[in-house]
Amino acid sequence: MSLKKKSIGDVVVLTPKGSLIGDEETSAIQKTVKELIAEGTRKVVLDLAEITWVNSAGLGAMISALTSMNKAGGDLRLANVTDKIRSLFLITQLFKVFKTFDSIAEAAASFQSDPPAGVPPLE
């Protein structure tokens, strides 16, 4: 699995490619999110467009990343949730936990209208 990182203003977009099914893949996401928190990033979008499959370890990694961001006063939002992942989220009720968007642009823009806890909205 590869993990690309880019910035849109103060929002960091992480785009993993491949499957989120094992320690190597899931550790990369968790490690990157922790590094971003240490650097002061509080707004992260996880772009799932290039994810082919997610198992319980992958779901756990996403939940862990969200929890880490929330504890730091930030938020992690999901973009481009594929049909396979969408059905998994419906079964597990994770749509109640994650804020999901159809595109990276929508997810990034959502931080302006609904900022993470502890982050004041732009005036």
PDB file of N, CA and C in Angstrom:
ATOM      1  N   MET A   1       0.838  -1.175   0.000  1.00  0.00           N
ATOM      2  CA  MET A   1       0.000   0.000   0.000  1.00  0.00           C
ATOM      3  C   MET A   1       0.882   1.237   0.000  1.00  0.00           C
ATOM      4  N   SER A   2       0.489   2.215  -0.785  1.00  0.00           N
ATOM      5  CA  SER A   2       1.194   3.499  -0.765  1.00  0.00           C
ATOM      6  C   SER A   2       0.272   4.530  -0.119  1.00  0.00           C
ATOM      7  N   LEU A   3       0.865   5.596   0.392  1.00  0.00           N
ATOM      8  CA  LEU A   3       0.103   6.644   1.056  1.00  0.00           C
ATOM      9  C   LEU A   3       0.616   7.992   0.585  1.00  0.00           C
ATOM     10  N   LYS A   4      -0.228   8.692  -0.194  1.00  0.00           N
ATOM     11  CA  LYS A   4       0.137  10.020  -0.692  1.00  0.00           C
ATOM     12  C   LYS A   4      -0.402  11.064   0.270  1.00  0.00           C
ATOM     13  N   LYS A   5       0.315  12.179   0.344  1.00  0.00           N
ATOM     14  CA  LYS A   5      -0.095  13.267   1.231  1.00  0.00           C
ATOM     15  C   LYS A   5      -0.008  14.571   0.465  1.00  0.00           C
ATOM     16  N   LYS A   6      -1.076  15.386   0.553  1.00  0.00           N
ATOM     17  CA  LYS A   6      -1.045  16.717  -0.048  1.00  0.00           C
ATOM     18  C   LYS A   6      -1.844  17.653   0.841  1.00  0.00           C
ATOM     19  N   SER A   7      -1.624  18.948   0.658  1.00  0.00           N
ATOM     20  CA  SER A   7      -2.325  19.943   1.459  1.00  0.00           C
ATOM     21  C   SER A   7      -3.241  20.791   0.593  1.00  0.00           C
ATOM     22  N   ILE A   8      -4.391  21.120   1.161  1.00  0.00           N
ATOM     23  CA  ILE A   8      -5.320  22.078   0.573  1.00  0.00           C
ATOM     24  C   ILE A   8      -5.538  23.114   1.676  1.00  0.00           C
ATOM     25  N   GLY A   9      -4.794  24.205   1.595  1.00  0.00           N
ATOM     26  CA  GLY A   9      -4.835  25.178   2.681  1.00  0.00           C
ATOM     27  C   GLY A   9      -4.299  24.538   3.948  1.00  0.00           C
ATOM     28  N   ASP A  10      -5.088  24.572   5.019  1.00  0.00           N
ATOM     29  CA  ASP A  10      -4.651  23.965   6.282  1.00  0.00           C
ATOM     30  C   ASP A  10      -5.204  22.555   6.474  1.00  0.00           C
ATOM     31  N   VAL A  11      -5.755  21.991   5.413  1.00  0.00           N
ATOM     32  CA  VAL A  11      -6.285  20.628   5.444  1.00  0.00           C
ATOM     33  C   VAL A  11      -5.283  19.701   4.764  1.00  0.00           C
ATOM     34  N   VAL A  12      -4.954  18.599   5.430  1.00  0.00           N
ATOM     35  CA  VAL A  12      -4.064  17.600   4.832  1.00  0.00           C
ATOM     36  C   VAL A  12      -4.917  16.450   4.311  1.00  0.00           C
ATOM     37  N   VAL A  13      -4.674  16.080   3.064  1.00  0.00           N
ATOM     38  CA  VAL A  13      -5.399  14.978   2.421  1.00  0.00           C
ATOM     39  C   VAL A  13      -4.452  13.776   2.338  1.00  0.00           C
ATOM     40  N   LEU A  14      -4.891  12.668   2.915  1.00  0.00           N
ATOM     41  CA  LEU A  14      -4.142  11.419   2.837  1.00  0.00           C
ATOM     42  C   LEU A  14      -4.868  10.487   1.879  1.00  0.00           C
ATOM     43  N   THR A  15      -4.138   9.974   0.894  1.00  0.00           N
ATOM     44  CA  THR A  15      -4.737   9.078  -0.093  1.00  0.00           C
ATOM     45  C   THR A  15      -3.979   7.751  -0.094  1.00  0.00           C
ATOM     46  N   PRO A  16      -4.504   6.768   0.638  1.00  0.00           N
ATOM     47  CA  PRO A  16      -3.902   5.437   0.584  1.00  0.00           C
ATOM     48  C   PRO A  16      -4.339   4.722  -0.689  1.00  0.00           C
ATOM     49  N   LYS A  17      -3.504   3.826  -1.176  1.00  0.00           N
ATOM     50  CA  LYS A  17      -3.833   3.055  -2.379  1.00  0.00           C
ATOM     51  C   LYS A  17      -3.617   1.584  -2.073  1.00  0.00           C
ATOM     52  N   GLY A  18      -4.620   0.770  -2.375  1.00  0.00           N
ATOM     53  CA  GLY A  18      -4.520  -0.659  -2.126  1.00  0.00           C
ATOM     54  C   GLY A  18      -5.583  -1.114  -1.147  1.00  0.00           C
ATOM     55  N   SER A  19      -5.223  -2.044  -0.288  1.00  0.00           N
ATOM     56  CA  SER A  19      -6.155  -2.582   0.703  1.00  0.00           C
ATOM     57  C   SER A  19      -5.722  -2.205   2.106  1.00  0.00           C
ATOM     58  N   LEU A  20      -6.702  -2.008   2.965  1.00  0.00           N
ATOM     59  CA  LEU A  20      -6.428  -1.775   4.378  1.00  0.00           C
ATOM     60  C   LEU A  20      -6.820  -3.036   5.131  1.00  0.00           C
ATOM     61  N   ILE A  21      -5.904  -4.011   5.111  1.00  0.00           N
ATOM     62  CA  ILE A  21      -6.263  -5.310   5.685  1.00  0.00           C
ATOM     63  C   ILE A  21      -5.219  -5.887   6.632  1.00  0.00           C
ATOM     64  N   GLY A  22      -4.116  -5.194   6.840  1.00  0.00           N
ATOM     65  CA  GLY A  22      -3.095  -5.778   7.697  1.00  0.00           C
ATOM     66  C   GLY A  22      -2.301  -4.740   8.447  1.00  0.00           C
ATOM     67  N   ASP A  23      -1.391  -5.230   9.274  1.00  0.00           N
ATOM     68  CA  ASP A  23      -0.589  -4.359  10.131  1.00  0.00           C
ATOM     69  C   ASP A  23       0.207  -3.325   9.362  1.00  0.00           C
ATOM     70  N   GLU A  24       0.849  -3.726   8.274  1.00  0.00           N
ATOM     71  CA  GLU A  24       1.690  -2.793   7.531  1.00  0.00           C
ATOM     72  C   GLU A  24       0.874  -1.615   6.999  1.00  0.00           C
ATOM     73  N   GLU A  25      -0.250  -1.926   6.398  1.00  0.00           N
ATOM     74  CA  GLU A  25      -1.085  -0.885   5.806  1.00  0.00           C
ATOM     75  C   GLU A  25      -1.708   0.008   6.874  1.00  0.00           C
ATOM     76  N   THR A  26      -2.265  -0.618   7.893  1.00  0.00           N
ATOM     77  CA  THR A  26      -2.957   0.156   8.919  1.00  0.00           C
ATOM     78  C   THR A  26      -1.976   0.964   9.758  1.00  0.00           C
ATOM     79  N   SER A  27      -0.801   0.434  10.000  1.00  0.00           N
ATOM     80  CA  SER A  27       0.216   1.157  10.769  1.00  0.00           C
ATOM     81  C   SER A  27       0.654   2.421  10.062  1.00  0.00           C
ATOM     82  N   ALA A  28       0.730   2.376   8.732  1.00  0.00           N
ATOM     83  CA  ALA A  28       1.152   3.553   7.966  1.00  0.00           C
ATOM     84  C   ALA A  28       0.194   4.716   8.177  1.00  0.00           C
ATOM     85  N   ILE A  29      -1.096   4.443   8.188  1.00  0.00           N
ATOM     86  CA  ILE A  29      -2.088   5.507   8.402  1.00  0.00           C
ATOM     87  C   ILE A  29      -1.985   6.052   9.819  1.00  0.00           C
ATOM     88  N   GLN A  30      -1.932   5.156  10.796  1.00  0.00           N
ATOM     89  CA  GLN A  30      -1.858   5.599  12.189  1.00  0.00           C
ATOM     90  C   GLN A  30      -0.585   6.409  12.454  1.00  0.00           C
ATOM     91  N   LYS A  31       0.533   5.938  11.915  1.00  0.00           N
ATOM     92  CA  LYS A  31       1.805   6.645  12.106  1.00  0.00           C
ATOM     93  C   LYS A  31       1.754   8.030  11.461  1.00  0.00           C
ATOM     94  N   THR A  32       1.225   8.114  10.255  1.00  0.00           N
ATOM     95  CA  THR A  32       1.155   9.390   9.551  1.00  0.00           C
ATOM     96  C   THR A  32       0.252  10.373  10.289  1.00  0.00           C
ATOM     97  N   VAL A  33      -0.884   9.914  10.788  1.00  0.00           N
ATOM     98  CA  VAL A  33      -1.788  10.796  11.527  1.00  0.00           C
ATOM     99  C   VAL A  33      -1.112  11.307  12.793  1.00  0.00           C
ATOM    100  N   LYS A  34      -0.405  10.451  13.493  1.00  0.00           N
ATOM    101  CA  LYS A  34       0.305  10.882  14.711  1.00  0.00           C
ATOM    102  C   LYS A  34       1.382  11.911  14.374  1.00  0.00           C
ATOM    103  N   GLU A  35       2.082  11.721  13.261  1.00  0.00           N
ATOM    104  CA  GLU A  35       3.090  12.697  12.831  1.00  0.00           C
ATOM    105  C   GLU A  35       2.434  14.036  12.493  1.00  0.00           C
ATOM    106  N   LEU A  36       1.284  13.992  11.823  1.00  0.00           N
ATOM    107  CA  LEU A  36       0.570  15.220  11.476  1.00  0.00           C
ATOM    108  C   LEU A  36       0.127  15.968  12.730  1.00  0.00           C
ATOM    109  N   ILE A  37      -0.351  15.243  13.714  1.00  0.00           N
ATOM    110  CA  ILE A  37      -0.759  15.859  14.975  1.00  0.00           C
ATOM    111  C   ILE A  37       0.436  16.536  15.632  1.00  0.00           C
ATOM    112  N   ALA A  38       1.577  15.843  15.642  1.00  0.00           N
ATOM    113  CA  ALA A  38       2.793  16.411  16.236  1.00  0.00           C
ATOM    114  C   ALA A  38       3.230  17.687  15.510  1.00  0.00           C
ATOM    115  N   GLU A  39       2.938  17.767  14.207  1.00  0.00           N
ATOM    116  CA  GLU A  39       3.287  18.948  13.408  1.00  0.00           C
ATOM    117  C   GLU A  39       2.262  20.075  13.562  1.00  0.00           C
ATOM    118  N   GLY A  40       1.160  19.798  14.264  1.00  0.00           N
ATOM    119  CA  GLY A  40       0.143  20.818  14.477  1.00  0.00           C
ATOM    120  C   GLY A  40      -1.058  20.743  13.554  1.00  0.00           C
ATOM    121  N   THR A  41      -1.120  19.745  12.711  1.00  0.00           N
ATOM    122  CA  THR A  41      -2.270  19.584  11.807  1.00  0.00           C
ATOM    123  C   THR A  41      -3.475  19.132  12.606  1.00  0.00           C
ATOM    124  N   ARG A  42      -4.621  19.765  12.333  1.00  0.00           N
ATOM    125  CA  ARG A  42      -5.851  19.409  13.038  1.00  0.00           C
ATOM    126  C   ARG A  42      -7.001  19.106  12.089  1.00  0.00           C
ATOM    127  N   LYS A  43      -6.750  19.188  10.789  1.00  0.00           N
ATOM    128  CA  LYS A  43      -7.791  18.921   9.789  1.00  0.00           C
ATOM    129  C   LYS A  43      -7.234  17.934   8.771  1.00  0.00           C
ATOM    130  N   VAL A  44      -7.821  16.739   8.752  1.00  0.00           N
ATOM    131  CA  VAL A  44      -7.343  15.687   7.857  1.00  0.00           C
ATOM    132  C   VAL A  44      -8.516  15.082   7.098  1.00  0.00           C
ATOM    133  N   VAL A  45      -8.306  14.878   5.816  1.00  0.00           N
ATOM    134  CA  VAL A  45      -9.264  14.158   4.968  1.00  0.00           C
ATOM    135  C   VAL A  45      -8.586  12.868   4.532  1.00  0.00           C
ATOM    136  N   LEU A  46      -9.255  11.760   4.756  1.00  0.00           N
ATOM    137  CA  LEU A  46      -8.774  10.464   4.289  1.00  0.00           C
ATOM    138  C   LEU A  46      -9.551  10.135   3.020  1.00  0.00           C
ATOM    139  N   ASP A  47      -8.853  10.158   1.892  1.00  0.00           N
ATOM    140  CA  ASP A  47      -9.446   9.913   0.580  1.00  0.00           C
ATOM    141  C   ASP A  47      -9.422   8.413   0.309  1.00  0.00           C
ATOM    142  N   LEU A  48     -10.601   7.808   0.216  1.00  0.00           N
ATOM    143  CA  LEU A  48     -10.695   6.351   0.059  1.00  0.00           C
ATOM    144  C   LEU A  48     -10.896   5.905  -1.387  1.00  0.00           C
ATOM    145  N   ALA A  49     -10.726   6.805  -2.340  1.00  0.00           N
ATOM    146  CA  ALA A  49     -10.992   6.502  -3.748  1.00  0.00           C
ATOM    147  C   ALA A  49     -10.164   5.329  -4.266  1.00  0.00           C
ATOM    148  N   GLU A  50      -8.951   5.165  -3.776  1.00  0.00           N
ATOM    149  CA  GLU A  50      -8.067   4.126  -4.309  1.00  0.00           C
ATOM    150  C   GLU A  50      -7.934   2.922  -3.383  1.00  0.00           C
ATOM    151  N   ILE A  51      -8.850   2.801  -2.421  1.00  0.00           N
ATOM    152  CA  ILE A  51      -8.851   1.643  -1.520  1.00  0.00           C
ATOM    153  C   ILE A  51      -9.727   0.563  -2.137  1.00  0.00           C
ATOM    154  N   THR A  52      -9.166  -0.628  -2.292  1.00  0.00           N
ATOM    155  CA  THR A  52      -9.909  -1.716  -2.911  1.00  0.00           C
ATOM    156  C   THR A  52     -10.689  -2.545  -1.898  1.00  0.00           C
ATOM    157  N   TRP A  53     -10.174  -2.647  -0.683  1.00  0.00           N
ATOM    158  CA  TRP A  53     -10.879  -3.419   0.344  1.00  0.00           C
ATOM    159  C   TRP A  53     -10.415  -3.010   1.729  1.00  0.00           C
ATOM    160  N   VAL A  54     -11.336  -3.133   2.698  1.00  0.00           N
ATOM    161  CA  VAL A  54     -11.046  -2.833   4.099  1.00  0.00           C
ATOM    162  C   VAL A  54     -11.596  -3.978   4.934  1.00  0.00           C
ATOM    163  N   ASN A  55     -10.791  -4.451   5.888  1.00  0.00           N
ATOM    164  CA  ASN A  55     -11.302  -5.452   6.828  1.00  0.00           C
ATOM    165  C   ASN A  55     -11.369  -4.813   8.214  1.00  0.00           C
ATOM    166  N   SER A  56     -11.540  -5.622   9.250  1.00  0.00           N
ATOM    167  CA  SER A  56     -11.678  -5.082  10.606  1.00  0.00           C
ATOM    168  C   SER A  56     -10.425  -4.322  11.047  1.00  0.00           C
ATOM    169  N   ALA A  57      -9.252  -4.757  10.604  1.00  0.00           N
ATOM    170  CA  ALA A  57      -8.017  -4.040  10.954  1.00  0.00           C
ATOM    171  C   ALA A  57      -8.005  -2.655  10.316  1.00  0.00           C
ATOM    172  N   GLY A  58      -8.475  -2.567   9.085  1.00  0.00           N
ATOM    173  CA  GLY A  58      -8.553  -1.277   8.405  1.00  0.00           C
ATOM    174  C   GLY A  58      -9.558  -0.352   9.061  1.00  0.00           C
ATOM    175  N   LEU A  59     -10.718  -0.897   9.428  1.00  0.00           N
ATOM    176  CA  LEU A  59     -11.713  -0.096  10.137  1.00  0.00           C
ATOM    177  C   LEU A  59     -11.148   0.392  11.465  1.00  0.00           C
ATOM    178  N   GLY A  60     -10.446  -0.488  12.147  1.00  0.00           N
ATOM    179  CA  GLY A  60      -9.823  -0.125  13.421  1.00  0.00           C
ATOM    180  C   GLY A  60      -8.810   0.992  13.261  1.00  0.00           C
ATOM    181  N   ALA A  61      -8.045   0.954  12.176  1.00  0.00           N
ATOM    182  CA  ALA A  61      -7.041   1.998  11.913  1.00  0.00           C
ATOM    183  C   ALA A  61      -7.720   3.333  11.654  1.00  0.00           C
ATOM    184  N   MET A  62      -8.822   3.322  10.907  1.00  0.00           N
ATOM    185  CA  MET A  62      -9.537   4.577  10.644  1.00  0.00           C
ATOM    186  C   MET A  62     -10.142   5.138  11.925  1.00  0.00           C
ATOM    187  N   ILE A  63     -10.709   4.266  12.750  1.00  0.00           N
ATOM    188  CA  ILE A  63     -11.282   4.707  14.024  1.00  0.00           C
ATOM    189  C   ILE A  63     -10.183   5.250  14.937  1.00  0.00           C
ATOM    190  N   SER A  64      -9.048   4.567  14.967  1.00  0.00           N
ATOM    191  CA  SER A  64      -7.918   5.025  15.781  1.00  0.00           C
ATOM    192  C   SER A  64      -7.420   6.389  15.319  1.00  0.00           C
ATOM    193  N   ALA A  65      -7.323   6.583  14.007  1.00  0.00           N
ATOM    194  CA  ALA A  65      -6.875   7.864  13.460  1.00  0.00           C
ATOM    195  C   ALA A  65      -7.865   8.967  13.818  1.00  0.00           C
ATOM    196  N   LEU A  66      -9.159   8.680  13.709  1.00  0.00           N
ATOM    197  CA  LEU A  66     -10.186   9.650  14.075  1.00  0.00           C
ATOM    198  C   LEU A  66     -10.094   9.998  15.560  1.00  0.00           C
ATOM    199  N   THR A  67      -9.941   8.993  16.394  1.00  0.00           N
ATOM    200  CA  THR A  67      -9.845   9.203  17.835  1.00  0.00           C
ATOM    201  C   THR A  67      -8.630  10.047  18.183  1.00  0.00           C
ATOM    202  N   SER A  68      -7.500   9.759  17.560  1.00  0.00           N
ATOM    203  CA  SER A  68      -6.277  10.540  17.808  1.00  0.00           C
ATOM    204  C   SER A  68      -6.478  11.998  17.418  1.00  0.00           C
ATOM    205  N   MET A  69      -7.093  12.231  16.259  1.00  0.00           N
ATOM    206  CA  MET A  69      -7.348  13.609  15.825  1.00  0.00           C
ATOM    207  C   MET A  69      -8.305  14.315  16.775  1.00  0.00           C
ATOM    208  N   ASN A  70      -9.358  13.624  17.190  1.00  0.00           N
ATOM    209  CA  ASN A  70     -10.329  14.232  18.101  1.00  0.00           C
ATOM    210  C   ASN A  70      -9.699  14.587  19.443  1.00  0.00           C
ATOM    211  N   LYS A  71      -8.856  13.704  19.961  1.00  0.00           N
ATOM    212  CA  LYS A  71      -8.185  13.969  21.239  1.00  0.00           C
ATOM    213  C   LYS A  71      -7.256  15.175  21.139  1.00  0.00           C
ATOM    214  N   ALA A  72      -6.734  15.428  19.946  1.00  0.00           N
ATOM    215  CA  ALA A  72      -5.825  16.563  19.727  1.00  0.00           C
ATOM    216  C   ALA A  72      -6.607  17.840  19.388  1.00  0.00           C
ATOM    217  N   GLY A  73      -7.947  17.760  19.395  1.00  0.00           N
ATOM    218  CA  GLY A  73      -8.764  18.917  19.067  1.00  0.00           C
ATOM    219  C   GLY A  73      -9.028  19.079  17.589  1.00  0.00           C
ATOM    220  N   GLY A  74      -8.787  18.023  16.827  1.00  0.00           N
ATOM    221  CA  GLY A  74      -8.981  18.083  15.384  1.00  0.00           C
ATOM    222  C   GLY A  74     -10.057  17.134  14.926  1.00  0.00           C
ATOM    223  N   ASP A  75     -10.067  16.876  13.629  1.00  0.00           N
ATOM    224  CA  ASP A  75     -11.057  15.967  13.070  1.00  0.00           C
ATOM    225  C   ASP A  75     -10.495  15.306  11.819  1.00  0.00           C
ATOM    226  N   LEU A  76     -11.005  14.120  11.530  1.00  0.00           N
ATOM    227  CA  LEU A  76     -10.655  13.374  10.332  1.00  0.00           C
ATOM    228  C   LEU A  76     -11.963  13.089   9.611  1.00  0.00           C
ATOM    229  N   ARG A  77     -12.014  13.447   8.339  1.00  0.00           N
ATOM    230  CA  ARG A  77     -13.213  13.233   7.537  1.00  0.00           C
ATOM    231  C   ARG A  77     -12.870  12.360   6.341  1.00  0.00           C
ATOM    232  N   LEU A  78     -13.853  11.640   5.839  1.00  0.00           N
ATOM    233  CA  LEU A  78     -13.633  10.702   4.746  1.00  0.00           C
ATOM    234  C   LEU A  78     -14.195  11.241   3.436  1.00  0.00           C
ATOM    235  N   ALA A  79     -13.459  11.004   2.362  1.00  0.00           N
ATOM    236  CA  ALA A  79     -13.894  11.406   1.026  1.00  0.00           C
ATOM    237  C   ALA A  79     -13.848  10.205   0.096  1.00  0.00           C
ATOM    238  N   ASN A  80     -14.693  10.241  -0.928  1.00  0.00           N
ATOM    239  CA  ASN A  80     -14.700   9.221  -1.979  1.00  0.00           C
ATOM    240  C   ASN A  80     -14.870   7.813  -1.426  1.00  0.00           C
ATOM    241  N   VAL A  81     -15.860   7.638  -0.575  1.00  0.00           N
ATOM    242  CA  VAL A  81     -16.127   6.319  -0.001  1.00  0.00           C
ATOM    243  C   VAL A  81     -16.720   5.446  -1.108  1.00  0.00           C
ATOM    244  N   THR A  82     -16.026   4.373  -1.434  1.00  0.00           N
ATOM    245  CA  THR A  82     -16.469   3.485  -2.511  1.00  0.00           C
ATOM    246  C   THR A  82     -17.715   2.701  -2.095  1.00  0.00           C
ATOM    247  N   ASP A  83     -18.387   2.102  -3.068  1.00  0.00           N
ATOM    248  CA  ASP A  83     -19.589   1.327  -2.767  1.00  0.00           C
ATOM    249  C   ASP A  83     -19.297   0.168  -1.816  1.00  0.00           C
ATOM    250  N   LYS A  84     -18.166  -0.508  -2.010  1.00  0.00           N
ATOM    251  CA  LYS A  84     -17.801  -1.621  -1.123  1.00  0.00           C
ATOM    252  C   LYS A  84     -17.641  -1.140   0.314  1.00  0.00           C
ATOM    253  N   ILE A  85     -16.943  -0.041   0.477  1.00  0.00           N
ATOM    254  CA  ILE A  85     -16.713   0.482   1.823  1.00  0.00           C
ATOM    255  C   ILE A  85     -18.006   1.057   2.387  1.00  0.00           C
ATOM    256  N   ARG A  86     -18.801   1.680   1.540  1.00  0.00           N
ATOM    257  CA  ARG A  86     -20.092   2.230   1.978  1.00  0.00           C
ATOM    258  C   ARG A  86     -20.971   1.117   2.566  1.00  0.00           C
ATOM    259  N   SER A  87     -21.021  -0.041   1.913  1.00  0.00           N
ATOM    260  CA  SER A  87     -21.841  -1.145   2.431  1.00  0.00           C
ATOM    261  C   SER A  87     -21.298  -1.646   3.764  1.00  0.00           C
ATOM    262  N   LEU A  88     -19.991  -1.678   3.903  1.00  0.00           N
ATOM    263  CA  LEU A  88     -19.373  -2.073   5.165  1.00  0.00           C
ATOM    264  C   LEU A  88     -19.706  -1.063   6.268  1.00  0.00           C
ATOM    265  N   PHE A  89     -19.687   0.219   5.929  1.00  0.00           N
ATOM    266  CA  PHE A  89     -20.029   1.268   6.891  1.00  0.00           C
ATOM    267  C   PHE A  89     -21.503   1.177   7.297  1.00  0.00           C
ATOM    268  N   LEU A  90     -22.370   0.788   6.366  1.00  0.00           N
ATOM    269  CA  LEU A  90     -23.786   0.624   6.704  1.00  0.00           C
ATOM    270  C   LEU A  90     -23.981  -0.527   7.682  1.00  0.00           C
ATOM    271  N   ILE A  91     -23.307  -1.629   7.429  1.00  0.00           N
ATOM    272  CA  ILE A  91     -23.423  -2.807   8.298  1.00  0.00           C
ATOM    273  C   ILE A  91     -22.896  -2.509   9.694  1.00  0.00           C
ATOM    274  N   THR A  92     -21.776  -1.817   9.771  1.00  0.00           N
ATOM    275  CA  THR A  92     -21.122  -1.545  11.060  1.00  0.00           C
ATOM    276  C   THR A  92     -21.609  -0.264  11.729  1.00  0.00           C
ATOM    277  N   GLN A  93     -22.478   0.487  11.038  1.00  0.00           N
ATOM    278  CA  GLN A  93     -23.011   1.752  11.551  1.00  0.00           C
ATOM    279  C   GLN A  93     -21.938   2.829  11.724  1.00  0.00           C
ATOM    280  N   LEU A  94     -20.835   2.714  10.994  1.00  0.00           N
ATOM    281  CA  LEU A  94     -19.757   3.698  11.114  1.00  0.00           C
ATOM    282  C   LEU A  94     -20.104   5.033  10.468  1.00  0.00           C
ATOM    283  N   PHE A  95     -21.214   5.095   9.718  1.00  0.00           N
ATOM    284  CA  PHE A  95     -21.649   6.396   9.196  1.00  0.00           C
ATOM    285  C   PHE A  95     -22.068   7.321  10.331  1.00  0.00           C
ATOM    286  N   LYS A  96     -22.348   6.733  11.495  1.00  0.00           N
ATOM    287  CA  LYS A  96     -22.678   7.541  12.669  1.00  0.00           C
ATOM    288  C   LYS A  96     -21.428   8.119  13.318  1.00  0.00           C
ATOM    289  N   VAL A  97     -20.274   7.541  13.005  1.00  0.00           N
ATOM    290  CA  VAL A  97     -19.011   7.947  13.622  1.00  0.00           C
ATOM    291  C   VAL A  97     -18.236   8.908  12.732  1.00  0.00           C
ATOM    292  N   PHE A  98     -18.186   8.618  11.436  1.00  0.00           N
ATOM    293  CA  PHE A  98     -17.403   9.408  10.495  1.00  0.00           C
ATOM    294  C   PHE A  98     -18.273  10.380   9.708  1.00  0.00           C
ATOM    295  N   LYS A  99     -17.703  11.527   9.400  1.00  0.00           N
ATOM    296  CA  LYS A  99     -18.328  12.460   8.462  1.00  0.00           C
ATOM    297  C   LYS A  99     -17.780  12.088   7.089  1.00  0.00           C
ATOM    298  N   THR A 100     -18.682  11.748   6.163  1.00  0.00           N
ATOM    299  CA  THR A 100     -18.264  11.293   4.837  1.00  0.00           C
ATOM    300  C   THR A 100     -18.741  12.266   3.768  1.00  0.00           C
ATOM    301  N   PHE A 101     -17.946  12.363   2.704  1.00  0.00           N
ATOM    302  CA  PHE A 101     -18.228  13.287   1.614  1.00  0.00           C
ATOM    303  C   PHE A 101     -17.943  12.611   0.288  1.00  0.00           C
ATOM    304  N   ASP A 102     -18.598  13.097  -0.768  1.00  0.00           N
ATOM    305  CA  ASP A 102     -18.450  12.506  -2.099  1.00  0.00           C
ATOM    306  C   ASP A 102     -17.133  12.882  -2.774  1.00  0.00           C
ATOM    307  N   SER A 103     -16.484  13.954  -2.309  1.00  0.00           N
ATOM    308  CA  SER A 103     -15.238  14.380  -2.942  1.00  0.00           C
ATOM    309  C   SER A 103     -14.294  14.987  -1.911  1.00  0.00           C
ATOM    310  N   ILE A 104     -13.028  15.082  -2.303  1.00  0.00           N
ATOM    311  CA  ILE A 104     -12.031  15.720  -1.448  1.00  0.00           C
ATOM    312  C   ILE A 104     -12.391  17.188  -1.243  1.00  0.00           C
ATOM    313  N   ALA A 105     -12.825  17.851  -2.306  1.00  0.00           N
ATOM    314  CA  ALA A 105     -13.172  19.276  -2.216  1.00  0.00           C
ATOM    315  C   ALA A 105     -14.294  19.513  -1.200  1.00  0.00           C
ATOM    316  N   GLU A 106     -15.324  18.671  -1.231  1.00  0.00           N
ATOM    317  CA  GLU A 106     -16.426  18.815  -0.281  1.00  0.00           C
ATOM    318  C   GLU A 106     -15.957  18.562   1.149  1.00  0.00           C
ATOM    319  N   ALA A 107     -15.132  17.544   1.333  1.00  0.00           N
ATOM    320  CA  ALA A 107     -14.626  17.231   2.676  1.00  0.00           C
ATOM    321  C   ALA A 107     -13.766  18.362   3.213  1.00  0.00           C
ATOM    322  N   ALA A 108     -12.876  18.891   2.378  1.00  0.00           N
ATOM    323  CA  ALA A 108     -12.011  19.994   2.806  1.00  0.00           C
ATOM    324  C   ALA A 108     -12.836  21.237   3.117  1.00  0.00           C
ATOM    325  N   ALA A 109     -13.818  21.537   2.278  1.00  0.00           N
ATOM    326  CA  ALA A 109     -14.660  22.716   2.486  1.00  0.00           C
ATOM    327  C   ALA A 109     -15.508  22.586   3.744  1.00  0.00           C
ATOM    328  N   SER A 110     -15.837  21.365   4.140  1.00  0.00           N
ATOM    329  CA  SER A 110     -16.676  21.163   5.320  1.00  0.00           C
ATOM    330  C   SER A 110     -16.017  21.678   6.593  1.00  0.00           C
ATOM    331  N   PHE A 111     -14.700  21.758   6.603  1.00  0.00           N
ATOM    332  CA  PHE A 111     -14.000  22.271   7.779  1.00  0.00           C
ATOM    333  C   PHE A 111     -14.282  23.759   7.988  1.00  0.00           C
ATOM    334  N   GLN A 112     -14.617  24.464   6.915  1.00  0.00           N
ATOM    335  CA  GLN A 112     -14.930  25.888   7.040  1.00  0.00           C
ATOM    336  C   GLN A 112     -16.300  26.094   7.685  1.00  0.00           C
ATOM    337  N   SER A 113     -17.266  25.243   7.319  1.00  0.00           N
ATOM    338  CA  SER A 113     -18.609  25.399   7.859  1.00  0.00           C
ATOM    339  C   SER A 113     -18.812  24.638   9.166  1.00  0.00           C
ATOM    340  N   ASP A 114     -17.987  23.632   9.414  1.00  0.00           N
ATOM    341  CA  ASP A 114     -18.111  22.807  10.614  1.00  0.00           C
ATOM    342  C   ASP A 114     -16.710  22.504  11.125  1.00  0.00           C
ATOM    343  N   PRO A 115     -16.051  23.488  11.768  1.00  0.00           N
ATOM    344  CA  PRO A 115     -14.663  23.289  12.187  1.00  0.00           C
ATOM    345  C   PRO A 115     -14.549  22.246  13.297  1.00  0.00           C
ATOM    346  N   PRO A 116     -13.366  21.625  13.429  1.00  0.00           N
ATOM    347  CA  PRO A 116     -13.149  20.674  14.503  1.00  0.00           C
ATOM    348  C   PRO A 116     -13.268  21.370  15.859  1.00  0.00           C
ATOM    349  N   ALA A 117     -13.480  20.594  16.896  1.00  0.00           N
ATOM    350  CA  ALA A 117     -13.549  21.138  18.249  1.00  0.00           C
ATOM    351  C   ALA A 117     -12.278  21.904  18.573  1.00  0.00           C
ATOM    352  N   GLY A 118     -12.429  23.067  19.175  1.00  0.00           N
ATOM    353  CA  GLY A 118     -11.267  23.839  19.572  1.00  0.00           C
ATOM    354  C   GLY A 118     -10.678  24.694  18.472  1.00  0.00           C
ATOM    355  N   VAL A 119     -11.227  24.606  17.255  1.00  0.00           N
ATOM    356  CA  VAL A 119     -10.737  25.409  16.143  1.00  0.00           C
ATOM    357  C   VAL A 119     -11.815  26.444  15.810  1.00  0.00           C
ATOM    358  N   PRO A 120     -11.533  27.728  15.989  1.00  0.00           N
ATOM    359  CA  PRO A 120     -12.561  28.728  15.719  1.00  0.00           C
ATOM    360  C   PRO A 120     -12.867  28.818  14.219  1.00  0.00           C
ATOM    361  N   PRO A 121     -14.131  29.063  13.865  1.00  0.00           N
ATOM    362  CA  PRO A 121     -14.468  29.222  12.448  1.00  0.00           C
ATOM    363  C   PRO A 121     -13.854  30.492  11.895  1.00  0.00           C
ATOM    364  N   LEU A 122     -13.616  30.503  10.589  1.00  0.00           N
ATOM    365  CA  LEU A 122     -13.076  31.696   9.946  1.00  0.00           C
ATOM    366  C   LEU A 122     -14.144  32.778   9.926  1.00  0.00           C
ATOM    367  N   GLU A 123     -13.755  33.995  10.201  1.00  0.00           N
ATOM    368  CA  GLU A 123     -14.705  35.130  10.210  1.00  0.00           C
ATOM    369  C   GLU A 123     -14.826  35.692   8.817  1.00  0.00           C
TER     370      GLU A 123
END
